[in-house]
Amino acid sequence: MLNQEIEVLPPPHVRNRFHHGAGVLILALNAIRHRIRGYRTPRPRGTSRLKAALGYDRAVFDNWQSHYLDYFPHGGGFENRQVLEIGPGPDLGTGLLCLAAGAASYTAVDAHRLVTPRTGGVHADLATLIASDFAHGHERLELQARLLHAVEALHADQEGPLRYHHLPDFDLSPLAGQDFDLVLSHSAFEHLTHPRRTLHQLSSVISERAHLVAEIDLQTHTRWIRDVDPLNIYRYRSPLYDGFRFSGSPNRFRPDEYLETLESENWVDLRIYPQRVLDPEYVARIEPSLDPAFRGDLEHLGWMTIVLCASRKGERSWKKPEESAS
């Protein structure tokens, strides 16, 4: 496992009745807002915001790379990989970073149409910034030209190494027959409308040498209630919670369900571990007020952010290179 400390979140003040009622109101308001306005996300504009967006994308990319190299230390780079990202957001900065790191192709899929002709300028500007970060001199110019060509091909609907698909409800069936060998995701799996279906569909779009690296946010998402009652979404029984569901709301899929689903789909070398956890005493005080479906496992209930890694056919090896060759 990565040599890093797990962040323990400070326990908020427990106000079960108040937070239960406030959470219901927030669920209702969010459902109304999304059903009227649809899904919206800010587009980075201006140099400072572009640099901030790239900083975020770089942090996500570096995080993937750290987890991947730790999981598969003898060949876990991005070179020549056919990358699939589930839920990339609008700027495709992570995809451009993958291409800059040597990926053969990068394909993004999202349930909402966030990449449009209006985002072309953002992508081009990010490509230029990434080239400046990755290389210098003639190499920088070559990388910039390659990334800009990828952006131009994407927005001209031409075949290229940078690809984007709008797939409502993350229905991957239109990609059947593809041969991705690295599946990445950051804070998107918790938004899958039908997580079991999407994970099942991965089987038809990946190679036999594929790996999966996903960071998943299991915490309540809405601001304010997220901080004061991080387990709020687990308070409600399914009929109530599902009545306020909208495209993009957290699916409440838990760590054991991810493992069970991937095992049933013949993924192997499964690894799951937390990055951010709640104080155990706080979890014990909150648990009796939660929907009974989420009670009974205090340790996993306290996992707010997790990392999930898997291999399609045991390509990952625990052996040292010289042992593998013998």
Foldseek 3Di string as FASTA:
>chain_A
DDPDDFAAFAAFDDDLVVLLVVLLVVLQVVLVVCVVPNDDDDDQDDDVSLVVVLVVLVVQLVVLQRVQCVQFVPDRFLAQFLEEEEPDAQQCLNQLLSVLRHHQAYEYEYQDPRHDLVNLVSNLVSLLVVLVVRDDDPSSVVSSVLSNVQSVCAHVVHDDRYYYYHDHLLQCVVQFPAAGAEYEYEQPCQQRPDNLNNLLCVLRHHHLFHKYKYKHFLFQDDPPSCRNPRLNLQLDDDVSSVVSDDRRGGPNQFPVNVVVSVVVSQWDPKDKDARYFYDLVSLVVCQVNGDPVLDDDSRRSGRRMMIIMTTNNPPRDPDDPVVVVD
